[in-house]
N, C-alpha and C. Protein backbone atom coordinates (compact mmCIF):
# COMPACT_ATOMS: atom_id res chain seq x y z
N MET A 1 15.43 3.88 8.84
CA MET A 1 15.22 3.92 7.39
C MET A 1 15.45 5.33 6.87
N ILE A 2 16.21 5.46 5.80
CA ILE A 2 16.49 6.76 5.20
C ILE A 2 15.27 7.23 4.42
N SER A 3 14.80 8.45 4.71
CA SER A 3 13.62 8.98 4.02
C SER A 3 13.95 10.16 3.13
N SER A 4 15.10 10.81 3.35
CA SER A 4 15.52 11.91 2.50
C SER A 4 17.02 12.11 2.63
N LEU A 5 17.60 12.81 1.65
CA LEU A 5 19.04 13.07 1.66
C LEU A 5 19.28 14.52 1.24
N ARG A 6 20.26 15.13 1.87
CA ARG A 6 20.69 16.47 1.49
C ARG A 6 22.20 16.44 1.26
N GLY A 7 22.63 16.99 0.14
CA GLY A 7 24.06 17.02 -0.12
C GLY A 7 24.37 17.70 -1.43
N LYS A 8 25.66 17.78 -1.73
CA LYS A 8 26.11 18.42 -2.97
C LYS A 8 26.20 17.37 -4.08
N VAL A 9 25.71 17.73 -5.25
CA VAL A 9 25.77 16.84 -6.41
C VAL A 9 27.21 16.80 -6.93
N LEU A 10 27.80 15.62 -6.93
CA LEU A 10 29.16 15.46 -7.44
C LEU A 10 29.18 15.19 -8.93
N SER A 11 28.23 14.40 -9.40
CA SER A 11 28.17 14.08 -10.83
C SER A 11 26.77 13.63 -11.20
N VAL A 12 26.48 13.75 -12.49
CA VAL A 12 25.17 13.36 -13.03
C VAL A 12 25.41 12.47 -14.24
N THR A 13 24.78 11.27 -14.26
CA THR A 13 24.87 10.38 -15.41
C THR A 13 23.48 10.23 -16.03
N ASP A 14 23.36 9.32 -16.98
CA ASP A 14 22.07 9.13 -17.64
C ASP A 14 20.99 8.58 -16.71
N ASP A 15 21.39 7.85 -15.68
CA ASP A 15 20.38 7.21 -14.83
C ASP A 15 20.56 7.46 -13.34
N SER A 16 21.61 8.19 -12.95
CA SER A 16 21.84 8.38 -11.52
C SER A 16 22.63 9.65 -11.24
N ILE A 17 22.69 9.99 -9.98
CA ILE A 17 23.55 11.09 -9.53
C ILE A 17 24.38 10.59 -8.35
N ILE A 18 25.55 11.20 -8.18
CA ILE A 18 26.37 10.92 -7.00
C ILE A 18 26.24 12.11 -6.09
N LEU A 19 25.80 11.86 -4.86
CA LEU A 19 25.54 12.91 -3.90
C LEU A 19 26.54 12.83 -2.75
N ASP A 20 27.20 13.94 -2.46
CA ASP A 20 28.13 14.02 -1.34
C ASP A 20 27.34 14.34 -0.08
N VAL A 21 27.17 13.34 0.78
CA VAL A 21 26.42 13.51 2.02
C VAL A 21 27.39 13.33 3.18
N SER A 22 27.78 14.44 3.77
CA SER A 22 28.72 14.41 4.91
C SER A 22 30.00 13.65 4.58
N GLY A 23 30.48 13.82 3.37
CA GLY A 23 31.73 13.19 2.97
C GLY A 23 31.58 11.82 2.34
N PHE A 24 30.38 11.29 2.33
CA PHE A 24 30.13 10.00 1.70
C PHE A 24 29.55 10.23 0.30
N GLY A 25 30.12 9.59 -0.71
CA GLY A 25 29.58 9.68 -2.07
C GLY A 25 28.52 8.61 -2.27
N ILE A 26 27.26 9.01 -2.33
CA ILE A 26 26.15 8.06 -2.42
C ILE A 26 25.54 8.12 -3.82
N GLN A 27 25.46 6.95 -4.45
CA GLN A 27 24.83 6.88 -5.76
C GLN A 27 23.32 6.72 -5.61
N LEU A 28 22.58 7.62 -6.26
CA LEU A 28 21.12 7.57 -6.25
C LEU A 28 20.62 7.32 -7.66
N PHE A 29 19.82 6.28 -7.83
CA PHE A 29 19.11 6.08 -9.10
C PHE A 29 17.87 6.96 -9.02
N VAL A 30 17.68 7.83 -9.99
CA VAL A 30 16.72 8.91 -9.81
C VAL A 30 15.68 8.99 -10.93
N SER A 31 14.64 9.76 -10.65
CA SER A 31 13.55 9.99 -11.59
C SER A 31 13.95 11.02 -12.64
N LYS A 32 13.15 11.12 -13.67
CA LYS A 32 13.39 12.09 -14.74
C LYS A 32 13.41 13.52 -14.22
N ALA A 33 12.43 13.84 -13.36
CA ALA A 33 12.33 15.20 -12.84
C ALA A 33 13.55 15.58 -12.01
N LEU A 34 14.04 14.64 -11.20
CA LEU A 34 15.19 14.96 -10.35
C LEU A 34 16.47 15.06 -11.16
N ILE A 35 16.66 14.15 -12.11
CA ILE A 35 17.90 14.20 -12.89
C ILE A 35 17.96 15.46 -13.74
N ASN A 36 16.80 15.97 -14.15
CA ASN A 36 16.76 17.20 -14.94
C ASN A 36 17.09 18.42 -14.09
N ASN A 37 16.86 18.34 -12.79
CA ASN A 37 17.10 19.46 -11.89
C ASN A 37 18.46 19.40 -11.20
N ALA A 38 19.12 18.26 -11.29
CA ALA A 38 20.40 18.09 -10.60
C ALA A 38 21.53 18.74 -11.40
N VAL A 39 22.30 19.59 -10.73
CA VAL A 39 23.43 20.27 -11.36
C VAL A 39 24.67 20.02 -10.53
N ALA A 40 25.72 19.51 -11.15
CA ALA A 40 26.96 19.22 -10.44
C ALA A 40 27.46 20.47 -9.73
N GLY A 41 27.81 20.31 -8.47
CA GLY A 41 28.32 21.43 -7.68
C GLY A 41 27.26 22.11 -6.83
N GLU A 42 25.97 21.84 -7.12
CA GLU A 42 24.89 22.46 -6.35
C GLU A 42 24.33 21.49 -5.31
N GLU A 43 23.80 22.03 -4.24
CA GLU A 43 23.23 21.22 -3.18
C GLU A 43 21.75 20.97 -3.43
N ILE A 44 21.30 19.76 -3.15
CA ILE A 44 19.88 19.44 -3.28
C ILE A 44 19.41 18.69 -2.04
N ASN A 45 18.14 18.72 -1.83
CA ASN A 45 17.49 17.95 -0.77
C ASN A 45 16.37 17.17 -1.43
N CYS A 46 16.39 15.86 -1.35
CA CYS A 46 15.39 15.08 -2.07
C CYS A 46 14.88 13.90 -1.24
N PRO A 47 13.60 13.53 -1.44
CA PRO A 47 13.09 12.30 -0.83
C PRO A 47 13.90 11.12 -1.35
N ALA A 48 14.10 10.13 -0.52
CA ALA A 48 14.92 8.98 -0.92
C ALA A 48 14.34 7.69 -0.36
N TYR A 49 14.75 6.60 -0.97
CA TYR A 49 14.30 5.28 -0.51
C TYR A 49 15.45 4.30 -0.66
N MET A 50 15.72 3.56 0.38
CA MET A 50 16.79 2.57 0.36
C MET A 50 16.17 1.18 0.25
N GLN A 51 16.60 0.42 -0.74
CA GLN A 51 16.08 -0.94 -0.93
C GLN A 51 17.20 -1.94 -0.72
N ILE A 52 16.93 -2.92 0.12
CA ILE A 52 17.90 -3.99 0.39
C ILE A 52 17.37 -5.29 -0.21
N SER A 53 18.13 -5.88 -1.10
CA SER A 53 17.71 -7.12 -1.76
C SER A 53 18.89 -8.07 -1.87
N ASP A 54 18.67 -9.22 -2.49
CA ASP A 54 19.75 -10.18 -2.68
C ASP A 54 20.88 -9.61 -3.51
N ALA A 55 20.55 -8.63 -4.36
CA ALA A 55 21.55 -8.01 -5.22
C ALA A 55 22.37 -6.95 -4.48
N GLY A 56 21.96 -6.61 -3.26
CA GLY A 56 22.69 -5.61 -2.48
C GLY A 56 21.78 -4.45 -2.08
N VAL A 57 22.40 -3.31 -1.80
CA VAL A 57 21.68 -2.13 -1.36
C VAL A 57 21.62 -1.11 -2.50
N SER A 58 20.44 -0.60 -2.77
CA SER A 58 20.25 0.43 -3.80
C SER A 58 19.55 1.62 -3.19
N MET A 59 19.94 2.82 -3.63
CA MET A 59 19.30 4.05 -3.17
C MET A 59 18.59 4.71 -4.33
N PHE A 60 17.40 5.20 -4.08
CA PHE A 60 16.59 5.84 -5.12
C PHE A 60 16.22 7.25 -4.66
N GLY A 61 16.26 8.19 -5.60
CA GLY A 61 15.94 9.57 -5.28
C GLY A 61 14.81 10.11 -6.13
N PHE A 62 14.06 11.06 -5.58
CA PHE A 62 12.86 11.58 -6.24
C PHE A 62 12.78 13.09 -6.13
N ALA A 63 12.05 13.69 -7.07
CA ALA A 63 11.91 15.14 -7.07
C ALA A 63 11.00 15.60 -5.94
N ASP A 64 10.01 14.78 -5.58
CA ASP A 64 9.09 15.15 -4.49
C ASP A 64 8.47 13.89 -3.90
N GLU A 65 7.65 14.09 -2.88
CA GLU A 65 7.04 12.95 -2.18
C GLU A 65 6.04 12.21 -3.05
N ARG A 66 5.41 12.92 -3.99
CA ARG A 66 4.45 12.24 -4.88
C ARG A 66 5.15 11.17 -5.68
N GLU A 67 6.33 11.50 -6.22
CA GLU A 67 7.07 10.52 -7.01
C GLU A 67 7.48 9.32 -6.14
N LYS A 68 7.88 9.59 -4.94
CA LYS A 68 8.27 8.50 -4.04
C LYS A 68 7.09 7.59 -3.75
N GLU A 69 5.92 8.18 -3.49
CA GLU A 69 4.72 7.39 -3.23
C GLU A 69 4.35 6.54 -4.44
N LEU A 70 4.47 7.11 -5.63
CA LEU A 70 4.17 6.36 -6.84
C LEU A 70 5.16 5.23 -7.03
N PHE A 71 6.43 5.48 -6.77
CA PHE A 71 7.47 4.45 -6.83
C PHE A 71 7.12 3.28 -5.89
N LEU A 72 6.72 3.61 -4.67
CA LEU A 72 6.40 2.57 -3.69
C LEU A 72 5.19 1.75 -4.11
N GLU A 73 4.28 2.35 -4.84
CA GLU A 73 3.15 1.58 -5.38
C GLU A 73 3.63 0.66 -6.51
N LEU A 74 4.50 1.17 -7.36
CA LEU A 74 4.99 0.37 -8.49
C LEU A 74 5.73 -0.89 -8.01
N VAL A 75 6.53 -0.76 -6.97
CA VAL A 75 7.31 -1.93 -6.53
C VAL A 75 6.45 -2.97 -5.82
N GLN A 76 5.17 -2.63 -5.56
CA GLN A 76 4.27 -3.63 -4.99
C GLN A 76 3.78 -4.61 -6.04
N VAL A 77 3.94 -4.25 -7.31
CA VAL A 77 3.52 -5.14 -8.40
C VAL A 77 4.54 -6.25 -8.57
N LYS A 78 4.07 -7.46 -8.62
CA LYS A 78 4.96 -8.61 -8.76
C LYS A 78 5.80 -8.48 -10.03
N THR A 79 7.07 -8.77 -9.92
CA THR A 79 8.08 -8.71 -10.98
C THR A 79 8.55 -7.29 -11.28
N VAL A 80 8.05 -6.29 -10.54
CA VAL A 80 8.54 -4.93 -10.72
C VAL A 80 9.42 -4.58 -9.52
N GLY A 81 10.73 -4.58 -9.75
CA GLY A 81 11.66 -4.23 -8.68
C GLY A 81 11.96 -2.75 -8.67
N GLY A 82 12.83 -2.36 -7.77
CA GLY A 82 13.16 -0.96 -7.64
C GLY A 82 13.80 -0.36 -8.88
N LYS A 83 14.71 -1.12 -9.50
CA LYS A 83 15.40 -0.61 -10.69
C LYS A 83 14.42 -0.37 -11.85
N LEU A 84 13.48 -1.29 -12.03
CA LEU A 84 12.51 -1.10 -13.11
C LEU A 84 11.55 0.04 -12.78
N ALA A 85 11.13 0.14 -11.52
CA ALA A 85 10.21 1.20 -11.13
C ALA A 85 10.83 2.58 -11.35
N ILE A 86 12.09 2.74 -10.99
CA ILE A 86 12.73 4.05 -11.18
C ILE A 86 13.00 4.29 -12.66
N THR A 87 13.20 3.22 -13.43
CA THR A 87 13.37 3.38 -14.87
C THR A 87 12.10 3.91 -15.51
N VAL A 88 10.95 3.42 -15.03
CA VAL A 88 9.66 3.92 -15.52
C VAL A 88 9.54 5.41 -15.22
N LEU A 89 9.94 5.82 -14.03
CA LEU A 89 9.84 7.23 -13.64
C LEU A 89 10.92 8.09 -14.29
N ARG A 90 11.95 7.44 -14.83
CA ARG A 90 12.99 8.21 -15.50
C ARG A 90 12.67 8.42 -16.98
N HIS A 91 11.82 7.56 -17.55
CA HIS A 91 11.47 7.68 -18.96
C HIS A 91 10.06 8.23 -19.17
N ASN A 92 9.35 8.49 -18.07
CA ASN A 92 8.00 9.03 -18.16
C ASN A 92 7.80 10.07 -17.07
N ASN A 93 7.09 11.13 -17.37
CA ASN A 93 6.75 12.12 -16.35
C ASN A 93 5.77 11.52 -15.35
N PHE A 94 5.76 12.07 -14.15
CA PHE A 94 4.82 11.62 -13.12
C PHE A 94 3.39 11.63 -13.64
N ASP A 95 2.98 12.75 -14.27
CA ASP A 95 1.61 12.87 -14.78
C ASP A 95 1.29 11.77 -15.78
N ASP A 96 2.25 11.46 -16.64
CA ASP A 96 2.01 10.46 -17.69
C ASP A 96 1.83 9.06 -17.10
N VAL A 97 2.60 8.75 -16.06
CA VAL A 97 2.48 7.43 -15.42
C VAL A 97 1.12 7.31 -14.74
N VAL A 98 0.72 8.35 -14.02
CA VAL A 98 -0.59 8.33 -13.35
C VAL A 98 -1.71 8.20 -14.38
N GLN A 99 -1.61 8.97 -15.45
CA GLN A 99 -2.64 8.92 -16.49
C GLN A 99 -2.71 7.56 -17.17
N ALA A 100 -1.54 6.99 -17.45
CA ALA A 100 -1.51 5.67 -18.10
C ALA A 100 -2.20 4.62 -17.24
N ILE A 101 -1.93 4.65 -15.95
CA ILE A 101 -2.50 3.65 -15.05
C ILE A 101 -3.99 3.87 -14.84
N THR A 102 -4.40 5.10 -14.57
CA THR A 102 -5.82 5.35 -14.27
C THR A 102 -6.70 5.22 -15.50
N SER A 103 -6.12 5.42 -16.69
CA SER A 103 -6.91 5.28 -17.91
C SER A 103 -6.74 3.90 -18.54
N GLU A 104 -6.00 3.03 -17.83
CA GLU A 104 -5.74 1.67 -18.32
C GLU A 104 -5.19 1.69 -19.74
N SER A 105 -4.14 2.48 -19.91
CA SER A 105 -3.48 2.62 -21.20
C SER A 105 -2.02 2.20 -21.08
N PRO A 106 -1.75 0.90 -20.98
CA PRO A 106 -0.37 0.44 -20.77
C PRO A 106 0.59 0.86 -21.88
N ARG A 107 0.05 1.14 -23.06
CA ARG A 107 0.92 1.54 -24.16
C ARG A 107 1.55 2.91 -23.93
N MET A 108 1.00 3.67 -22.98
CA MET A 108 1.59 4.96 -22.63
C MET A 108 2.88 4.79 -21.83
N LEU A 109 3.02 3.64 -21.17
CA LEU A 109 4.20 3.39 -20.35
C LEU A 109 5.32 2.83 -21.22
N THR A 110 6.37 3.60 -21.39
CA THR A 110 7.51 3.14 -22.18
C THR A 110 8.78 3.26 -21.36
N ALA A 111 9.51 2.16 -21.27
CA ALA A 111 10.77 2.16 -20.53
C ALA A 111 11.55 0.90 -20.89
N PRO A 112 12.86 0.98 -20.96
CA PRO A 112 13.67 -0.21 -21.23
C PRO A 112 13.39 -1.29 -20.19
N GLY A 113 13.15 -2.49 -20.66
CA GLY A 113 12.89 -3.60 -19.74
C GLY A 113 11.44 -3.78 -19.36
N LEU A 114 10.59 -2.84 -19.78
CA LEU A 114 9.16 -2.93 -19.45
C LEU A 114 8.41 -3.44 -20.66
N GLY A 115 8.06 -4.72 -20.63
CA GLY A 115 7.33 -5.31 -21.74
C GLY A 115 5.84 -5.02 -21.65
N ALA A 116 5.13 -5.37 -22.72
CA ALA A 116 3.70 -5.09 -22.78
C ALA A 116 2.92 -5.79 -21.67
N LYS A 117 3.25 -7.05 -21.39
CA LYS A 117 2.54 -7.80 -20.36
C LYS A 117 2.73 -7.19 -18.99
N ARG A 118 3.96 -6.77 -18.72
CA ARG A 118 4.24 -6.18 -17.41
C ARG A 118 3.54 -4.82 -17.27
N ALA A 119 3.52 -4.04 -18.34
CA ALA A 119 2.83 -2.75 -18.32
C ALA A 119 1.33 -2.96 -18.07
N GLU A 120 0.76 -3.97 -18.71
CA GLU A 120 -0.65 -4.28 -18.51
C GLU A 120 -0.91 -4.68 -17.06
N ARG A 121 0.01 -5.42 -16.49
CA ARG A 121 -0.15 -5.85 -15.10
C ARG A 121 -0.10 -4.66 -14.15
N ILE A 122 0.80 -3.72 -14.42
CA ILE A 122 0.89 -2.51 -13.60
C ILE A 122 -0.45 -1.77 -13.61
N CYS A 123 -1.00 -1.57 -14.80
CA CYS A 123 -2.27 -0.84 -14.91
C CYS A 123 -3.40 -1.59 -14.23
N PHE A 124 -3.44 -2.90 -14.42
CA PHE A 124 -4.51 -3.71 -13.85
C PHE A 124 -4.46 -3.71 -12.33
N GLU A 125 -3.27 -3.90 -11.77
CA GLU A 125 -3.15 -4.02 -10.32
C GLU A 125 -3.22 -2.69 -9.58
N LEU A 126 -2.80 -1.62 -10.22
CA LEU A 126 -2.68 -0.35 -9.51
C LEU A 126 -3.78 0.67 -9.82
N LYS A 127 -4.62 0.40 -10.80
CA LYS A 127 -5.61 1.40 -11.22
C LYS A 127 -6.39 1.99 -10.05
N ASN A 128 -7.01 1.15 -9.25
CA ASN A 128 -7.84 1.65 -8.15
C ASN A 128 -7.02 2.37 -7.09
N LYS A 129 -5.85 1.83 -6.79
CA LYS A 129 -4.99 2.46 -5.78
C LYS A 129 -4.53 3.84 -6.22
N ILE A 130 -4.12 3.93 -7.48
CA ILE A 130 -3.60 5.20 -7.98
C ILE A 130 -4.72 6.23 -8.08
N GLU A 131 -5.91 5.79 -8.47
CA GLU A 131 -7.06 6.71 -8.53
C GLU A 131 -7.34 7.30 -7.16
N LYS A 132 -7.31 6.46 -6.13
CA LYS A 132 -7.62 6.93 -4.78
C LYS A 132 -6.53 7.86 -4.26
N ARG A 133 -5.29 7.53 -4.52
CA ARG A 133 -4.17 8.30 -3.96
C ARG A 133 -3.86 9.55 -4.73
N PHE A 134 -3.95 9.47 -6.07
CA PHE A 134 -3.49 10.59 -6.89
C PHE A 134 -4.60 11.22 -7.74
N LEU A 135 -5.85 10.96 -7.41
CA LEU A 135 -6.94 11.53 -8.20
C LEU A 135 -6.80 13.04 -8.25
N GLY A 136 -6.68 13.56 -9.48
CA GLY A 136 -6.52 15.00 -9.64
C GLY A 136 -5.08 15.45 -9.58
N ALA A 137 -4.13 14.53 -9.25
CA ALA A 137 -2.73 14.93 -9.14
C ALA A 137 -2.10 15.16 -10.49
N ALA A 138 -2.58 14.42 -11.50
CA ALA A 138 -1.99 14.59 -12.83
C ALA A 138 -2.60 15.82 -13.47
N SER A 139 -1.88 16.93 -13.41
CA SER A 139 -2.41 18.21 -13.86
C SER A 139 -2.90 18.15 -15.30
N GLY A 140 -4.12 18.68 -15.49
CA GLY A 140 -4.66 18.76 -16.84
C GLY A 140 -5.38 17.51 -17.30
N PHE A 141 -5.37 16.46 -16.47
CA PHE A 141 -5.97 15.21 -16.90
C PHE A 141 -7.14 14.85 -16.00
N THR A 142 -8.01 14.01 -16.51
CA THR A 142 -9.02 13.38 -15.69
C THR A 142 -8.72 11.90 -15.69
N SER A 143 -9.44 11.16 -14.85
CA SER A 143 -9.20 9.73 -14.79
C SER A 143 -10.20 8.96 -15.62
N SER A 144 -10.80 9.60 -16.59
CA SER A 144 -11.75 8.92 -17.45
C SER A 144 -11.08 7.80 -18.19
N PRO A 145 -11.62 6.61 -18.20
CA PRO A 145 -10.95 5.50 -18.85
C PRO A 145 -10.89 5.66 -20.35
N ALA A 146 -9.72 5.33 -20.89
CA ALA A 146 -9.56 5.40 -22.34
C ALA A 146 -9.58 3.98 -22.88
N SER A 147 -10.67 3.30 -22.63
CA SER A 147 -10.69 1.87 -22.95
C SER A 147 -11.75 1.55 -24.00
N GLY A 148 -12.16 2.54 -24.78
CA GLY A 148 -13.13 2.29 -25.83
C GLY A 148 -12.58 1.31 -26.85
N SER A 149 -13.44 0.63 -27.55
CA SER A 149 -13.01 -0.43 -28.46
C SER A 149 -12.14 0.09 -29.59
N PHE A 150 -12.26 1.39 -29.92
CA PHE A 150 -11.50 1.92 -31.04
C PHE A 150 -10.35 2.83 -30.60
N ASP A 151 -10.11 2.95 -29.29
CA ASP A 151 -9.04 3.84 -28.82
C ASP A 151 -7.68 3.45 -29.39
N ASN A 152 -7.40 2.17 -29.42
CA ASN A 152 -6.11 1.72 -29.95
C ASN A 152 -5.97 2.06 -31.43
N SER A 153 -7.06 1.99 -32.16
CA SER A 153 -7.02 2.35 -33.58
C SER A 153 -6.70 3.82 -33.77
N VAL A 154 -7.28 4.66 -32.89
CA VAL A 154 -7.00 6.09 -32.94
C VAL A 154 -5.55 6.36 -32.59
N LEU A 155 -5.05 5.67 -31.56
CA LEU A 155 -3.65 5.82 -31.18
C LEU A 155 -2.72 5.43 -32.33
N ASP A 156 -3.03 4.31 -32.97
CA ASP A 156 -2.22 3.85 -34.09
C ASP A 156 -2.24 4.87 -35.23
N ALA A 157 -3.42 5.45 -35.48
CA ALA A 157 -3.54 6.43 -36.56
C ALA A 157 -2.70 7.67 -36.26
N LEU A 158 -2.73 8.13 -35.02
CA LEU A 158 -1.97 9.32 -34.64
C LEU A 158 -0.46 9.05 -34.71
N VAL A 159 -0.06 7.87 -34.26
CA VAL A 159 1.36 7.51 -34.34
C VAL A 159 1.79 7.43 -35.81
N GLY A 160 0.88 6.90 -36.65
CA GLY A 160 1.17 6.82 -38.07
C GLY A 160 1.33 8.18 -38.72
N LEU A 161 0.73 9.21 -38.09
CA LEU A 161 0.84 10.58 -38.61
C LEU A 161 2.09 11.28 -38.09
N GLY A 162 2.87 10.57 -37.29
CA GLY A 162 4.14 11.14 -36.85
C GLY A 162 4.21 11.57 -35.40
N PHE A 163 3.11 11.42 -34.66
CA PHE A 163 3.13 11.80 -33.25
C PHE A 163 3.67 10.64 -32.41
N SER A 164 4.27 10.96 -31.27
CA SER A 164 4.78 9.90 -30.39
C SER A 164 3.61 9.20 -29.70
N GLN A 165 3.88 8.00 -29.17
CA GLN A 165 2.86 7.25 -28.45
C GLN A 165 2.34 8.06 -27.26
N SER A 166 3.25 8.71 -26.55
CA SER A 166 2.86 9.50 -25.39
C SER A 166 2.00 10.69 -25.79
N GLU A 167 2.39 11.40 -26.86
CA GLU A 167 1.61 12.54 -27.34
C GLU A 167 0.21 12.11 -27.76
N ALA A 168 0.14 10.98 -28.48
CA ALA A 168 -1.14 10.50 -28.96
C ALA A 168 -2.06 10.12 -27.81
N ALA A 169 -1.53 9.37 -26.84
CA ALA A 169 -2.35 8.94 -25.71
C ALA A 169 -2.79 10.13 -24.88
N ARG A 170 -1.93 11.12 -24.73
CA ARG A 170 -2.28 12.32 -23.99
C ARG A 170 -3.42 13.07 -24.68
N ALA A 171 -3.35 13.18 -26.01
CA ALA A 171 -4.37 13.90 -26.77
C ALA A 171 -5.72 13.20 -26.67
N VAL A 172 -5.72 11.87 -26.75
CA VAL A 172 -6.96 11.10 -26.62
C VAL A 172 -7.57 11.31 -25.24
N ALA A 173 -6.72 11.22 -24.20
CA ALA A 173 -7.22 11.39 -22.83
C ALA A 173 -7.76 12.80 -22.61
N LEU A 174 -7.05 13.81 -23.11
CA LEU A 174 -7.50 15.19 -22.94
C LEU A 174 -8.81 15.44 -23.69
N SER A 175 -8.90 14.91 -24.90
CA SER A 175 -10.12 15.09 -25.69
C SER A 175 -11.33 14.52 -24.96
N LYS A 176 -11.17 13.33 -24.41
CA LYS A 176 -12.27 12.71 -23.67
C LYS A 176 -12.57 13.46 -22.39
N GLY A 177 -11.50 13.91 -21.72
CA GLY A 177 -11.69 14.58 -20.45
C GLY A 177 -12.37 15.93 -20.57
N MET A 178 -12.20 16.62 -21.71
CA MET A 178 -12.78 17.94 -21.88
C MET A 178 -14.19 17.90 -22.46
N ALA A 179 -14.64 16.72 -22.86
CA ALA A 179 -15.97 16.59 -23.45
C ALA A 179 -17.01 16.22 -22.39
N ASP A 180 -18.25 16.24 -22.79
CA ASP A 180 -19.34 15.80 -21.92
C ASP A 180 -19.10 14.33 -21.55
N PRO A 181 -19.09 14.01 -20.23
CA PRO A 181 -18.85 12.62 -19.80
C PRO A 181 -19.82 11.62 -20.43
N GLU A 182 -21.01 12.10 -20.83
CA GLU A 182 -22.01 11.20 -21.40
C GLU A 182 -21.86 11.05 -22.92
N LYS A 183 -20.91 11.77 -23.49
CA LYS A 183 -20.74 11.75 -24.94
C LYS A 183 -20.36 10.36 -25.41
N GLU A 184 -20.99 9.89 -26.46
CA GLU A 184 -20.65 8.61 -27.07
C GLU A 184 -19.82 8.90 -28.32
N TRP A 185 -18.56 8.55 -28.24
CA TRP A 185 -17.63 8.88 -29.31
C TRP A 185 -17.73 7.90 -30.47
N THR A 186 -17.45 8.41 -31.65
CA THR A 186 -17.17 7.53 -32.79
C THR A 186 -15.67 7.61 -33.02
N GLU A 187 -15.15 6.66 -33.75
CA GLU A 187 -13.70 6.65 -34.00
C GLU A 187 -13.27 7.92 -34.74
N THR A 188 -14.05 8.33 -35.73
CA THR A 188 -13.72 9.52 -36.51
C THR A 188 -13.74 10.78 -35.65
N GLU A 189 -14.75 10.91 -34.79
CA GLU A 189 -14.85 12.08 -33.93
C GLU A 189 -13.67 12.16 -32.96
N LEU A 190 -13.29 11.02 -32.39
CA LEU A 190 -12.19 11.02 -31.43
C LEU A 190 -10.87 11.33 -32.13
N LEU A 191 -10.69 10.83 -33.34
CA LEU A 191 -9.47 11.11 -34.09
C LEU A 191 -9.39 12.61 -34.41
N ARG A 192 -10.50 13.20 -34.85
CA ARG A 192 -10.51 14.62 -35.19
C ARG A 192 -10.25 15.48 -33.95
N ALA A 193 -10.89 15.13 -32.83
CA ALA A 193 -10.70 15.89 -31.59
C ALA A 193 -9.27 15.80 -31.11
N SER A 194 -8.69 14.61 -31.21
CA SER A 194 -7.30 14.40 -30.76
C SER A 194 -6.33 15.16 -31.65
N LEU A 195 -6.57 15.15 -32.95
CA LEU A 195 -5.73 15.90 -33.89
C LEU A 195 -5.81 17.39 -33.59
N SER A 196 -7.02 17.88 -33.32
CA SER A 196 -7.19 19.29 -33.00
C SER A 196 -6.43 19.64 -31.73
N MET A 197 -6.47 18.75 -30.76
CA MET A 197 -5.75 18.98 -29.52
C MET A 197 -4.24 19.04 -29.76
N LEU A 198 -3.74 18.16 -30.56
CA LEU A 198 -2.31 18.11 -30.87
C LEU A 198 -1.88 19.36 -31.64
N GLN A 199 -2.72 19.83 -32.56
CA GLN A 199 -2.38 21.01 -33.35
C GLN A 199 -2.37 22.25 -32.48
N ARG A 200 -3.28 22.31 -31.49
CA ARG A 200 -3.29 23.47 -30.58
C ARG A 200 -2.06 23.50 -29.72
N ARG A 201 -1.56 22.31 -29.35
CA ARG A 201 -0.37 22.24 -28.51
C ARG A 201 0.89 22.55 -29.31
């Protein structure tokens, strides 16, 4: 089984790179972090995963082992194949995916082909696994659940003010994470704290 690849980047597209490995041009579907670091003509060494399915053989590449481990957890969810899992990692940062799952905030996960029901299933099935494996891995975040009855209302209000869904969810999670764990939030207090967090950033 192929666990990593080293070679020269031949080309970079929106969703993949072509890697020259000992004269073989191998297409890798890659994460956001890896595609941002890949430069045509330069050599890279990256963790990789080969998936064999009815559709054929696909190769996936990652910026580091953490991303690969997260990918392998995602493909354990029913109806989430390799292509969708790498699409999630290409449209979301590693930290954001971990935070979305551990805080049970499926609306933080945005990717083509990922519907609301499937995002909810990912969070539901992987929450405990991701907490155990990546607790503390998402820099700057805690795993405090963002599941208060008014959290969605706060998210909607922030989006209505012009912030992205990801920015809004991040601000809510950070606001809760930096406060006293025993604090009982009101909707107004959480909105103000999240706005303050966004303005500081």
